[in-house]
Amino acid sequence: MSEHKHPNGLTQKELIMLVLDGQDKINDRIDQLHEKVNSKISRAELSGWLVACSCLVVLVQAVM
């Protein structure tokens, strides 16, 4: 099988390997960002904790 050279001097297999390497880098970056996002508290979680604490304060004041 003859290898077809593209204008940039790379074969089709070399181009595919470059694309796959780029895809691996992108996947690694996505994983890093996903871990970063999951490590932070979300707004819904924060507001839930604030509501829970507020309810606790109101209950304590009602008892006293």
Protein backbone atom coordinates (compact mmCIF):
# COMPACT_ATOMS: atom_id res chain seq x y z
CA MET A 1 0.00 0.00 0.00
CA SER A 2 1.41 3.36 -0.93
CA GLU A 3 1.45 6.11 1.65
CA HIS A 4 -0.19 9.33 0.55
CA LYS A 5 1.66 12.44 1.62
CA HIS A 6 -0.35 15.49 2.50
CA PRO A 7 0.89 18.99 1.65
CA ASN A 8 2.38 19.32 5.15
CA GLY A 9 4.57 16.23 4.60
CA LEU A 10 2.75 13.92 7.02
CA THR A 11 1.17 10.59 6.14
CA GLN A 12 -2.43 9.84 6.98
CA LYS A 13 -1.35 7.57 9.83
CA GLU A 14 0.85 10.32 11.31
CA LEU A 15 -2.05 12.78 11.11
CA ILE A 16 -4.35 10.31 12.86
CA MET A 17 -1.77 9.78 15.59
CA LEU A 18 -1.52 13.57 16.08
CA VAL A 19 -5.30 13.80 16.40
CA LEU A 20 -5.37 10.95 18.92
CA ASP A 21 -2.60 12.56 20.98
CA GLY A 22 -4.53 15.83 20.98
CA GLN A 23 -7.68 13.97 22.03
CA ASP A 24 -5.81 12.40 24.97
CA LYS A 25 -4.63 15.85 26.10
CA ILE A 26 -8.16 17.22 25.85
CA ASN A 27 -9.53 14.28 27.87
CA ASP A 28 -6.90 14.81 30.56
CA ARG A 29 -7.80 18.51 30.76
CA ILE A 30 -11.51 17.67 31.01
CA ASP A 31 -10.75 15.25 33.86
CA GLN A 32 -8.76 17.93 35.70
CA LEU A 33 -11.56 20.48 35.32
CA HIS A 34 -14.16 17.91 36.39
CA GLU A 35 -12.22 17.17 39.58
CA LYS A 36 -11.85 20.90 40.25
CA VAL A 37 -15.58 21.53 39.84
CA ASN A 38 -16.51 18.57 42.04
CA SER A 39 -14.20 19.71 44.83
CA LYS A 40 -16.05 23.00 45.27
CA ILE A 41 -19.35 23.42 47.09
CA SER A 42 -22.26 24.19 44.77
CA ARG A 43 -24.66 27.08 45.21
CA ALA A 44 -27.51 24.66 45.91
CA GLU A 45 -25.48 22.97 48.64
CA LEU A 46 -24.50 26.30 50.15
CA SER A 47 -28.06 27.61 50.19
CA GLY A 48 -29.27 24.31 51.66
CA TRP A 49 -26.79 24.58 54.55
CA LEU A 50 -27.74 28.22 55.11
CA VAL A 51 -31.43 27.31 55.29
CA ALA A 52 -30.69 24.43 57.66
CA CYS A 53 -28.62 26.66 59.96
CA SER A 54 -31.25 29.39 59.87
CA CYS A 55 -33.94 26.90 60.85
CA LEU A 56 -31.81 25.68 63.72
CA VAL A 57 -31.27 29.24 64.97
CA VAL A 58 -35.00 29.98 64.78
CA LEU A 59 -35.82 26.79 66.69
CA VAL A 60 -33.27 27.59 69.41
CA GLN A 61 -34.66 31.11 69.81
CA ALA A 62 -38.23 29.79 69.93
CA VAL A 63 -37.34 27.39 72.74
CA MET A 64 -35.61 30.08 74.82
